[in-house]
Amino acid sequence: LLAGLAQVYYRSKQFSESLEIYFEMSKQYPALRQMQDALQGIYAVEQQ
């Protein structure tokens, strides 16, 4: 459910909310760091 919610927030360009979910999940699922790093870069560009 959290993964789906993060996806929806990303698609809605609510990047902070999506990042918060991936960060919390990555505490137990470290491979999600790849989604955090990429999303961080998109956030920087989109929000200028």
All heavy atoms as atom14 arrays in JSON, in Angstrom:
{
  "sequence": "LLAGLAQVYYRSKQFSESLEIYFEMSKQYPALRQMQDALQGIYAVEQQ",
  "atom14_mask": [
    [1, 1, 1, 1, 1, 1, 1, 1, 0, 0, 0, 0, 0, 0],
    [1, 1, 1, 1, 1, 1, 1, 1, 0, 0, 0, 0, 0, 0],
    [1, 1, 1, 1, 1, 0, 0, 0, 0, 0, 0, 0, 0, 0],
    [1, 1, 1, 1, 0, 0, 0, 0, 0, 0, 0, 0, 0, 0],
    [1, 1, 1, 1, 1, 1, 1, 1, 0, 0, 0, 0, 0, 0],
    [1, 1, 1, 1, 1, 0, 0, 0, 0, 0, 0, 0, 0, 0],
    [1, 1, 1, 1, 1, 1, 1, 1, 1, 0, 0, 0, 0, 0],
    [1, 1, 1, 1, 1, 1, 1, 0, 0, 0, 0, 0, 0, 0],
    [1, 1, 1, 1, 1, 1, 1, 1, 1, 1, 1, 1, 0, 0],
    [1, 1, 1, 1, 1, 1, 1, 1, 1, 1, 1, 1, 0, 0],
    [1, 1, 1, 1, 1, 1, 1, 1, 1, 1, 1, 0, 0, 0],
    [1, 1, 1, 1, 1, 1, 0, 0, 0, 0, 0, 0, 0, 0],
    [1, 1, 1, 1, 1, 1, 1, 1, 1, 0, 0, 0, 0, 0],
    [1, 1, 1, 1, 1, 1, 1, 1, 1, 0, 0, 0, 0, 0],
    [1, 1, 1, 1, 1, 1, 1, 1, 1, 1, 1, 0, 0, 0],
    [1, 1, 1, 1, 1, 1, 0, 0, 0, 0, 0, 0, 0, 0],
    [1, 1, 1, 1, 1, 1, 1, 1, 1, 0, 0, 0, 0, 0],
    [1, 1, 1, 1, 1, 1, 0, 0, 0, 0, 0, 0, 0, 0],
    [1, 1, 1, 1, 1, 1, 1, 1, 0, 0, 0, 0, 0, 0],
    [1, 1, 1, 1, 1, 1, 1, 1, 1, 0, 0, 0, 0, 0],
    [1, 1, 1, 1, 1, 1, 1, 1, 0, 0, 0, 0, 0, 0],
    [1, 1, 1, 1, 1, 1, 1, 1, 1, 1, 1, 1, 0, 0],
    [1, 1, 1, 1, 1, 1, 1, 1, 1, 1, 1, 0, 0, 0],
    [1, 1, 1, 1, 1, 1, 1, 1, 1, 0, 0, 0, 0, 0],
    [1, 1, 1, 1, 1, 1, 1, 1, 0, 0, 0, 0, 0, 0],
    [1, 1, 1, 1, 1, 1, 0, 0, 0, 0, 0, 0, 0, 0],
    [1, 1, 1, 1, 1, 1, 1, 1, 1, 0, 0, 0, 0, 0],
    [1, 1, 1, 1, 1, 1, 1, 1, 1, 0, 0, 0, 0, 0],
    [1, 1, 1, 1, 1, 1, 1, 1, 1, 1, 1, 1, 0, 0],
    [1, 1, 1, 1, 1, 1, 1, 0, 0, 0, 0, 0, 0, 0],
    [1, 1, 1, 1, 1, 0, 0, 0, 0, 0, 0, 0, 0, 0],
    [1, 1, 1, 1, 1, 1, 1, 1, 0, 0, 0, 0, 0, 0],
    [1, 1, 1, 1, 1, 1, 1, 1, 1, 1, 1, 0, 0, 0],
    [1, 1, 1, 1, 1, 1, 1, 1, 1, 0, 0, 0, 0, 0],
    [1, 1, 1, 1, 1, 1, 1, 1, 0, 0, 0, 0, 0, 0],
    [1, 1, 1, 1, 1, 1, 1, 1, 1, 0, 0, 0, 0, 0],
    [1, 1, 1, 1, 1, 1, 1, 1, 0, 0, 0, 0, 0, 0],
    [1, 1, 1, 1, 1, 0, 0, 0, 0, 0, 0, 0, 0, 0],
    [1, 1, 1, 1, 1, 1, 1, 1, 0, 0, 0, 0, 0, 0],
    [1, 1, 1, 1, 1, 1, 1, 1, 1, 0, 0, 0, 0, 0],
    [1, 1, 1, 1, 0, 0, 0, 0, 0, 0, 0, 0, 0, 0],
    [1, 1, 1, 1, 1, 1, 1, 1, 0, 0, 0, 0, 0, 0],
    [1, 1, 1, 1, 1, 1, 1, 1, 1, 1, 1, 1, 0, 0],
    [1, 1, 1, 1, 1, 0, 0, 0, 0, 0, 0, 0, 0, 0],
    [1, 1, 1, 1, 1, 1, 1, 0, 0, 0, 0, 0, 0, 0],
    [1, 1, 1, 1, 1, 1, 1, 1, 1, 0, 0, 0, 0, 0],
    [1, 1, 1, 1, 1, 1, 1, 1, 1, 0, 0, 0, 0, 0],
    [1, 1, 1, 1, 1, 1, 1, 1, 1, 0, 0, 0, 0, 0]
  ],
  "atom14_positions": [
    [[0.84, -1.2, 0.0], [0.0, 0.0, 0.0], [0.88, 1.25, 0.0], [0.63, 2.2, -0.75], [-0.93, 0.01, 1.21], [-1.86, 1.22, 1.35], [-3.19, 0.81, 1.95], [-1.24, 2.32, 2.23], [0.0, 0.0, 0.0], [0.0, 0.0, 0.0], [0.0, 0.0, 0.0], [0.0, 0.0, 0.0], [0.0, 0.0, 0.0], [0.0, 0.0, 0.0]],
    [[1.9, 1.26, 0.83], [2.8, 2.42, 0.88], [3.51, 2.62, -0.45], [3.7, 3.75, -0.91], [3.81, 2.24, 2.01], [3.25, 2.28, 3.43], [4.37, 2.02, 4.45], [2.58, 3.61, 3.73], [0.0, 0.0, 0.0], [0.0, 0.0, 0.0], [0.0, 0.0, 0.0], [0.0, 0.0, 0.0], [0.0, 0.0, 0.0], [0.0, 0.0, 0.0]],
    [[3.91, 1.52, -1.09], [4.56, 1.62, -2.39], [3.62, 2.25, -3.42], [4.03, 3.09, -4.23], [5.02, 0.24, -2.86], [0.0, 0.0, 0.0], [0.0, 0.0, 0.0], [0.0, 0.0, 0.0], [0.0, 0.0, 0.0], [0.0, 0.0, 0.0], [0.0, 0.0, 0.0], [0.0, 0.0, 0.0], [0.0, 0.0, 0.0], [0.0, 0.0, 0.0]],
    [[2.36, 1.86, -3.39], [1.38, 2.44, -4.3], [1.15, 3.91, -4.03], [1.03, 4.72, -4.95], [0.0, 0.0, 0.0], [0.0, 0.0, 0.0], [0.0, 0.0, 0.0], [0.0, 0.0, 0.0], [0.0, 0.0, 0.0], [0.0, 0.0, 0.0], [0.0, 0.0, 0.0], [0.0, 0.0, 0.0], [0.0, 0.0, 0.0], [0.0, 0.0, 0.0]],
    [[1.11, 4.27, -2.75], [0.91, 5.66, -2.38], [2.09, 6.52, -2.82], [1.92, 7.64, -3.32], [0.71, 5.75, -0.87], [0.1, 7.03, -0.29], [-1.18, 7.4, -0.99], [-0.12, 6.87, 1.21], [0.0, 0.0, 0.0], [0.0, 0.0, 0.0], [0.0, 0.0, 0.0], [0.0, 0.0, 0.0], [0.0, 0.0, 0.0], [0.0, 0.0, 0.0]],
    [[3.31, 5.99, -2.65], [4.5, 6.72, -3.11], [4.46, 6.93, -4.62], [4.83, 7.99, -5.13], [5.76, 5.96, -2.71], [0.0, 0.0, 0.0], [0.0, 0.0, 0.0], [0.0, 0.0, 0.0], [0.0, 0.0, 0.0], [0.0, 0.0, 0.0], [0.0, 0.0, 0.0], [0.0, 0.0, 0.0], [0.0, 0.0, 0.0], [0.0, 0.0, 0.0]],
    [[4.0, 5.91, -5.35], [3.89, 6.03, -6.8], [2.88, 7.1, -7.19], [3.13, 7.92, -8.1], [3.47, 4.69, -7.4], [3.34, 4.71, -8.93], [2.9, 3.37, -9.49], [2.64, 2.43, -8.76], [2.79, 3.3, -10.8], [0.0, 0.0, 0.0], [0.0, 0.0, 0.0], [0.0, 0.0, 0.0], [0.0, 0.0, 0.0], [0.0, 0.0, 0.0]],
    [[1.75, 7.14, -6.52], [0.72, 8.13, -6.82], [1.23, 9.54, -6.53], [1.03, 10.47, -7.32], [-0.55, 7.86, -5.98], [-1.53, 9.02, -6.09], [-1.22, 6.58, -6.45], [0.0, 0.0, 0.0], [0.0, 0.0, 0.0], [0.0, 0.0, 0.0], [0.0, 0.0, 0.0], [0.0, 0.0, 0.0], [0.0, 0.0, 0.0], [0.0, 0.0, 0.0]],
    [[1.91, 9.71, -5.4], [2.45, 11.03, -5.06], [3.5, 11.46, -6.09], [3.59, 12.64, -6.45], [3.04, 11.03, -3.66], [2.02, 11.22, -2.57], [1.98, 10.39, -1.45], [1.08, 12.25, -2.65], [1.03, 10.56, -0.45], [0.13, 12.43, -1.66], [0.11, 11.59, -0.56], [-0.83, 11.78, 0.41], [0.0, 0.0, 0.0], [0.0, 0.0, 0.0]],
    [[4.31, 10.53, -6.56], [5.29, 10.86, -7.59], [4.6, 11.33, -8.86], [4.97, 12.35, -9.46], [6.19, 9.67, -7.88], [7.12, 9.92, -9.05], [8.17, 10.82, -8.93], [6.91, 9.31, -10.28], [9.0, 11.1, -10.01], [7.72, 9.57, -11.36], [8.78, 10.47, -11.22], [9.58, 10.74, -12.29], [0.0, 0.0, 0.0], [0.0, 0.0, 0.0]],
    [[3.59, 10.59, -9.29], [2.87, 10.94, -10.51], [2.15, 12.28, -10.37], [1.92, 12.97, -11.36], [1.87, 9.84, -10.85], [2.51, 8.61, -11.46], [3.22, 8.99, -12.73], [3.89, 7.88, -13.37], [4.81, 8.04, -14.32], [5.15, 9.26, -14.71], [5.39, 7.0, -14.87], [0.0, 0.0, 0.0], [0.0, 0.0, 0.0], [0.0, 0.0, 0.0]],
    [[1.8, 12.64, -9.15], [1.13, 13.91, -8.89], [2.11, 15.04, -8.61], [1.71, 16.15, -8.24], [0.17, 13.75, -7.7], [-0.74, 12.7, -7.91], [0.0, 0.0, 0.0], [0.0, 0.0, 0.0], [0.0, 0.0, 0.0], [0.0, 0.0, 0.0], [0.0, 0.0, 0.0], [0.0, 0.0, 0.0], [0.0, 0.0, 0.0], [0.0, 0.0, 0.0]],
    [[3.41, 14.73, -8.76], [4.49, 15.69, -8.52], [4.52, 16.2, -7.07], [4.97, 17.32, -6.8], [4.41, 16.88, -9.49], [4.62, 16.47, -10.96], [4.72, 17.67, -11.87], [4.92, 17.26, -13.32], [6.19, 16.56, -13.56], [0.0, 0.0, 0.0], [0.0, 0.0, 0.0], [0.0, 0.0, 0.0], [0.0, 0.0, 0.0], [0.0, 0.0, 0.0]],
    [[4.06, 15.38, -6.16], [4.19, 15.67, -4.74], [5.41, 14.91, -4.23], [5.31, 13.91, -3.53], [2.91, 15.28, -3.99], [1.7, 16.09, -4.41], [0.42, 15.62, -3.77], [-0.3, 14.78, -4.3], [0.12, 16.16, -2.6], [0.0, 0.0, 0.0], [0.0, 0.0, 0.0], [0.0, 0.0, 0.0], [0.0, 0.0, 0.0], [0.0, 0.0, 0.0]],
    [[6.57, 15.42, -4.61], [7.81, 14.68, -4.45], [8.2, 14.48, -2.99], [8.74, 13.43, -2.62], [8.94, 15.38, -5.21], [8.67, 15.52, -6.68], [8.69, 16.76, -7.3], [8.38, 14.41, -7.46], [8.44, 16.88, -8.66], [8.12, 14.52, -8.81], [8.15, 15.77, -9.42], [0.0, 0.0, 0.0], [0.0, 0.0, 0.0], [0.0, 0.0, 0.0]],
    [[7.96, 15.46, -2.15], [8.33, 15.34, -0.74], [7.6, 14.16, -0.09], [8.2, 13.38, 0.66], [8.02, 16.63, 0.02], [8.84, 17.68, -0.42], [0.0, 0.0, 0.0], [0.0, 0.0, 0.0], [0.0, 0.0, 0.0], [0.0, 0.0, 0.0], [0.0, 0.0, 0.0], [0.0, 0.0, 0.0], [0.0, 0.0, 0.0], [0.0, 0.0, 0.0]],
    [[6.29, 14.06, -0.38], [5.5, 12.97, 0.21], [6.01, 11.61, -0.28], [6.09, 10.65, 0.5], [4.02, 13.14, -0.15], [3.33, 14.29, 0.56], [3.56, 15.63, -0.13], [4.38, 15.69, -1.08], [2.91, 16.62, 0.28], [0.0, 0.0, 0.0], [0.0, 0.0, 0.0], [0.0, 0.0, 0.0], [0.0, 0.0, 0.0], [0.0, 0.0, 0.0]],
    [[6.35, 11.53, -1.56], [6.86, 10.28, -2.11], [8.2, 9.92, -1.47], [8.44, 8.78, -1.07], [7.01, 10.4, -3.62], [7.34, 9.17, -4.2], [0.0, 0.0, 0.0], [0.0, 0.0, 0.0], [0.0, 0.0, 0.0], [0.0, 0.0, 0.0], [0.0, 0.0, 0.0], [0.0, 0.0, 0.0], [0.0, 0.0, 0.0], [0.0, 0.0, 0.0]],
    [[9.08, 10.9, -1.36], [10.4, 10.67, -0.75], [10.28, 10.21, 0.7], [11.04, 9.33, 1.14], [11.24, 11.94, -0.82], [11.94, 12.22, -2.15], [12.46, 13.65, -2.2], [13.07, 11.23, -2.38], [0.0, 0.0, 0.0], [0.0, 0.0, 0.0], [0.0, 0.0, 0.0], [0.0, 0.0, 0.0], [0.0, 0.0, 0.0], [0.0, 0.0, 0.0]],
    [[9.37, 10.78, 1.44], [9.2, 10.4, 2.84], [8.85, 8.91, 2.96], [9.36, 8.22, 3.84], [8.09, 11.24, 3.48], [8.48, 12.68, 3.76], [7.31, 13.5, 4.27], [6.23, 12.91, 4.51], [7.46, 14.73, 4.42], [0.0, 0.0, 0.0], [0.0, 0.0, 0.0], [0.0, 0.0, 0.0], [0.0, 0.0, 0.0], [0.0, 0.0, 0.0]],
    [[8.0, 8.44, 2.06], [7.61, 7.03, 2.11], [8.79, 6.14, 1.76], [9.08, 5.16, 2.45], [6.43, 6.77, 1.14], [5.18, 7.51, 1.63], [6.14, 5.27, 1.04], [4.02, 7.47, 0.65], [0.0, 0.0, 0.0], [0.0, 0.0, 0.0], [0.0, 0.0, 0.0], [0.0, 0.0, 0.0], [0.0, 0.0, 0.0], [0.0, 0.0, 0.0]],
    [[9.5, 6.47, 0.67], [10.64, 5.64, 0.27], [11.72, 5.64, 1.34], [12.38, 4.61, 1.59], [11.21, 6.11, -1.07], [10.32, 5.79, -2.25], [10.09, 6.75, -3.24], [9.72, 4.55, -2.38], [9.28, 6.45, -4.33], [8.91, 4.25, -3.46], [8.69, 5.21, -4.43], [7.89, 4.91, -5.51], [0.0, 0.0, 0.0], [0.0, 0.0, 0.0]],
    [[11.93, 6.76, 1.99], [12.94, 6.83, 3.04], [12.57, 5.89, 4.19], [13.4, 5.12, 4.67], [13.08, 8.25, 3.57], [13.92, 8.35, 4.81], [15.24, 7.97, 4.8], [13.37, 8.81, 6.01], [16.02, 8.05, 5.95], [14.14, 8.89, 7.16], [15.46, 8.51, 7.12], [0.0, 0.0, 0.0], [0.0, 0.0, 0.0], [0.0, 0.0, 0.0]],
    [[11.34, 5.94, 4.62], [10.91, 5.09, 5.74], [11.0, 3.61, 5.35], [11.47, 2.78, 6.14], [9.48, 5.44, 6.16], [9.04, 4.81, 7.46], [9.82, 5.33, 8.66], [10.2, 6.52, 8.67], [10.05, 4.52, 9.59], [0.0, 0.0, 0.0], [0.0, 0.0, 0.0], [0.0, 0.0, 0.0], [0.0, 0.0, 0.0], [0.0, 0.0, 0.0]],
    [[10.59, 3.27, 4.14], [10.64, 1.88, 3.7], [12.07, 1.38, 3.54], [12.37, 0.21, 3.78], [9.89, 1.73, 2.38], [8.38, 1.92, 2.5], [7.52, 1.66, 0.93], [7.7, -0.12, 0.74], [0.0, 0.0, 0.0], [0.0, 0.0, 0.0], [0.0, 0.0, 0.0], [0.0, 0.0, 0.0], [0.0, 0.0, 0.0], [0.0, 0.0, 0.0]],
    [[12.97, 2.27, 3.12], [14.35, 1.85, 2.86], [15.11, 1.48, 4.13], [16.17, 0.87, 4.06], [15.12, 2.95, 2.12], [15.35, 4.07, 2.94], [0.0, 0.0, 0.0], [0.0, 0.0, 0.0], [0.0, 0.0, 0.0], [0.0, 0.0, 0.0], [0.0, 0.0, 0.0], [0.0, 0.0, 0.0], [0.0, 0.0, 0.0], [0.0, 0.0, 0.0]],
    [[14.55, 1.81, 5.28], [15.18, 1.38, 6.53], [15.17, -0.15, 6.63], [16.08, -0.74, 7.21], [14.45, 1.98, 7.73], [14.59, 3.49, 7.85], [13.79, 4.03, 9.04], [13.9, 5.54, 9.16], [13.08, 6.08, 10.27], [0.0, 0.0, 0.0], [0.0, 0.0, 0.0], [0.0, 0.0, 0.0], [0.0, 0.0, 0.0], [0.0, 0.0, 0.0]],
    [[14.15, -0.76, 6.07], [14.08, -2.22, 6.05], [14.39, -2.8, 4.67], [14.8, -3.95, 4.56], [12.67, -2.68, 6.46], [12.44, -2.68, 7.96], [13.33, -3.69, 8.68], [13.58, -4.79, 8.19], [13.81, -3.3, 9.84], [0.0, 0.0, 0.0], [0.0, 0.0, 0.0], [0.0, 0.0, 0.0], [0.0, 0.0, 0.0], [0.0, 0.0, 0.0]],
    [[14.25, -2.01, 3.62], [14.47, -2.47, 2.25], [15.48, -1.54, 1.57], [15.1, -0.62, 0.84], [13.13, -2.52, 1.49], [12.16, -3.46, 2.16], [11.2, -2.99, 3.06], [12.23, -4.83, 1.94], [10.34, -3.86, 3.71], [11.37, -5.71, 2.59], [10.43, -5.21, 3.47], [9.59, -6.08, 4.12], [0.0, 0.0, 0.0], [0.0, 0.0, 0.0]],
    [[16.78, -1.77, 1.82], [17.83, -0.82, 1.4], [17.89, -0.58, -0.1], [18.34, 0.49, -0.52], [19.12, -1.49, 1.9], [18.7, -2.42, 2.99], [17.33, -2.89, 2.6], [0.0, 0.0, 0.0], [0.0, 0.0, 0.0], [0.0, 0.0, 0.0], [0.0, 0.0, 0.0], [0.0, 0.0, 0.0], [0.0, 0.0, 0.0], [0.0, 0.0, 0.0]],
    [[17.46, -1.53, -0.91], [17.55, -1.35, -2.36], [16.7, -0.19, -2.85], [16.88, 0.3, -3.97], [17.14, -2.64, -3.09], [0.0, 0.0, 0.0], [0.0, 0.0, 0.0], [0.0, 0.0, 0.0], [0.0, 0.0, 0.0], [0.0, 0.0, 0.0], [0.0, 0.0, 0.0], [0.0, 0.0, 0.0], [0.0, 0.0, 0.0], [0.0, 0.0, 0.0]],
    [[15.77, 0.27, -2.02], [14.94, 1.42, -2.41], [15.72, 2.72, -2.45], [15.2, 3.74, -2.91], [13.75, 1.56, -1.46], [12.48, 0.82, -1.89], [12.71, -0.69, -1.9], [11.31, 1.17, -0.98], [0.0, 0.0, 0.0], [0.0, 0.0, 0.0], [0.0, 0.0, 0.0], [0.0, 0.0, 0.0], [0.0, 0.0, 0.0], [0.0, 0.0, 0.0]],
    [[16.98, 2.68, -2.0], [17.81, 3.88, -2.12], [17.91, 4.35, -3.56], [18.05, 5.55, -3.83], [19.22, 3.6, -1.58], [19.37, 3.73, -0.08], [19.21, 5.17, 0.39], [20.24, 6.05, -0.14], [21.39, 6.28, 0.47], [21.68, 5.71, 1.62], [22.28, 7.11, -0.05], [0.0, 0.0, 0.0], [0.0, 0.0, 0.0], [0.0, 0.0, 0.0]],
    [[17.85, 3.41, -4.52], [17.96, 3.82, -5.92], [16.77, 4.71, -6.32], [16.93, 5.62, -7.14], [18.03, 2.6, -6.83], [16.75, 1.81, -7.0], [16.92, 0.69, -8.01], [17.66, -0.25, -7.8], [16.25, 0.8, -9.14], [0.0, 0.0, 0.0], [0.0, 0.0, 0.0], [0.0, 0.0, 0.0], [0.0, 0.0, 0.0], [0.0, 0.0, 0.0]],
    [[15.61, 4.48, -5.73], [14.45, 5.31, -6.04], [14.57, 6.66, -5.34], [14.21, 7.7, -5.9], [13.17, 4.59, -5.62], [13.02, 3.25, -6.34], [11.65, 2.23, -5.74], [10.27, 3.02, -6.59], [0.0, 0.0, 0.0], [0.0, 0.0, 0.0], [0.0, 0.0, 0.0], [0.0, 0.0, 0.0], [0.0, 0.0, 0.0], [0.0, 0.0, 0.0]],
    [[15.09, 6.66, -4.12], [15.3, 7.91, -3.4], [16.25, 8.83, -4.15], [15.96, 10.02, -4.34], [15.88, 7.64, -2.01], [14.94, 7.0, -1.02], [15.66, 6.68, 0.26], [15.65, 5.55, 0.72], [16.31, 7.65, 0.84], [0.0, 0.0, 0.0], [0.0, 0.0, 0.0], [0.0, 0.0, 0.0], [0.0, 0.0, 0.0], [0.0, 0.0, 0.0]],
    [[17.4, 8.32, -4.56], [18.41, 9.15, -5.19], [17.9, 9.75, -6.49], [18.09, 10.94, -6.77], [19.68, 8.33, -5.46], [20.56, 8.2, -4.22], [20.14, 8.66, -3.15], [21.66, 7.63, -4.33], [0.0, 0.0, 0.0], [0.0, 0.0, 0.0], [0.0, 0.0, 0.0], [0.0, 0.0, 0.0], [0.0, 0.0, 0.0], [0.0, 0.0, 0.0]],
    [[17.26, 8.92, -7.32], [16.75, 9.41, -8.6], [15.64, 10.43, -8.38], [15.6, 11.48, -9.04], [16.24, 8.24, -9.43], [0.0, 0.0, 0.0], [0.0, 0.0, 0.0], [0.0, 0.0, 0.0], [0.0, 0.0, 0.0], [0.0, 0.0, 0.0], [0.0, 0.0, 0.0], [0.0, 0.0, 0.0], [0.0, 0.0, 0.0], [0.0, 0.0, 0.0]],
    [[14.76, 10.16, -7.44], [13.66, 11.07, -7.17], [14.17, 12.39, -6.59], [13.62, 13.46, -6.88], [12.66, 10.41, -6.21], [11.38, 11.17, -5.87], [10.72, 11.73, -7.12], [10.42, 10.26, -5.12], [0.0, 0.0, 0.0], [0.0, 0.0, 0.0], [0.0, 0.0, 0.0], [0.0, 0.0, 0.0], [0.0, 0.0, 0.0], [0.0, 0.0, 0.0]],
    [[15.23, 12.31, -5.8], [15.84, 13.53, -5.27], [16.32, 14.43, -6.41], [16.13, 15.65, -6.4], [17.03, 13.17, -4.38], [17.69, 14.35, -3.69], [16.98, 14.75, -2.41], [16.17, 13.98, -1.9], [17.28, 15.92, -1.91], [0.0, 0.0, 0.0], [0.0, 0.0, 0.0], [0.0, 0.0, 0.0], [0.0, 0.0, 0.0], [0.0, 0.0, 0.0]],
    [[16.93, 13.81, -7.43], [17.4, 14.58, -8.58], [16.26, 15.2, -9.36], [16.34, 16.35, -9.81], [0.0, 0.0, 0.0], [0.0, 0.0, 0.0], [0.0, 0.0, 0.0], [0.0, 0.0, 0.0], [0.0, 0.0, 0.0], [0.0, 0.0, 0.0], [0.0, 0.0, 0.0], [0.0, 0.0, 0.0], [0.0, 0.0, 0.0], [0.0, 0.0, 0.0]],
    [[15.18, 14.43, -9.57], [14.02, 14.97, -10.27], [13.41, 16.12, -9.5], [13.03, 17.15, -10.07], [12.97, 13.85, -10.48], [13.53, 12.78, -11.43], [11.68, 14.42, -11.05], [12.7, 11.52, -11.49], [0.0, 0.0, 0.0], [0.0, 0.0, 0.0], [0.0, 0.0, 0.0], [0.0, 0.0, 0.0], [0.0, 0.0, 0.0], [0.0, 0.0, 0.0]],
    [[13.32, 15.97, -8.2], [12.75, 16.99, -7.33], [13.53, 18.3, -7.47], [12.96, 19.39, -7.56], [12.78, 16.5, -5.89], [12.21, 17.44, -4.85], [10.94, 18.0, -5.01], [12.93, 17.76, -3.7], [10.42, 18.84, -4.05], [12.41, 18.6, -2.75], [11.15, 19.14, -2.93], [10.64, 19.99, -1.98], [0.0, 0.0, 0.0], [0.0, 0.0, 0.0]],
    [[14.86, 18.19, -7.51], [15.7, 19.38, -7.62], [15.42, 20.13, -8.92], [15.34, 21.36, -8.94], [17.17, 18.98, -7.53], [0.0, 0.0, 0.0], [0.0, 0.0, 0.0], [0.0, 0.0, 0.0], [0.0, 0.0, 0.0], [0.0, 0.0, 0.0], [0.0, 0.0, 0.0], [0.0, 0.0, 0.0], [0.0, 0.0, 0.0], [0.0, 0.0, 0.0]],
    [[15.26, 19.38, -10.02], [15.03, 20.01, -11.32], [13.61, 20.57, -11.42], [13.4, 21.71, -11.83], [15.28, 19.01, -12.45], [14.91, 19.62, -13.8], [16.74, 18.57, -12.46], [0.0, 0.0, 0.0], [0.0, 0.0, 0.0], [0.0, 0.0, 0.0], [0.0, 0.0, 0.0], [0.0, 0.0, 0.0], [0.0, 0.0, 0.0], [0.0, 0.0, 0.0]],
    [[12.63, 19.77, -11.02], [11.22, 20.17, -11.17], [10.88, 21.38, -10.3], [10.13, 22.26, -10.72], [10.31, 19.0, -10.79], [10.32, 17.86, -11.78], [9.48, 18.15, -13.01], [8.64, 19.06, -12.96], [9.69, 17.46, -14.03], [0.0, 0.0, 0.0], [0.0, 0.0, 0.0], [0.0, 0.0, 0.0], [0.0, 0.0, 0.0], [0.0, 0.0, 0.0]],
    [[11.42, 21.42, -9.11], [11.09, 22.51, -8.2], [12.05, 23.69, -8.32], [11.92, 24.67, -7.61], [11.09, 21.99, -6.74], [10.12, 20.86, -6.49], [8.68, 21.27, -6.72], [8.31, 22.41, -6.48], [7.87, 20.35, -7.19], [0.0, 0.0, 0.0], [0.0, 0.0, 0.0], [0.0, 0.0, 0.0], [0.0, 0.0, 0.0], [0.0, 0.0, 0.0]],
    [[13.05, 23.54, -9.21], [14.05, 24.59, -9.43], [14.66, 25.04, -8.11], [14.77, 26.22, -7.8], [13.42, 25.78, -10.16], [12.95, 25.43, -11.55], [12.38, 26.63, -12.29], [12.14, 27.68, -11.71], [12.19, 26.48, -13.6], [0.0, 0.0, 0.0], [0.0, 0.0, 0.0], [0.0, 0.0, 0.0], [0.0, 0.0, 0.0], [0.0, 0.0, 0.0]]
  ]
}
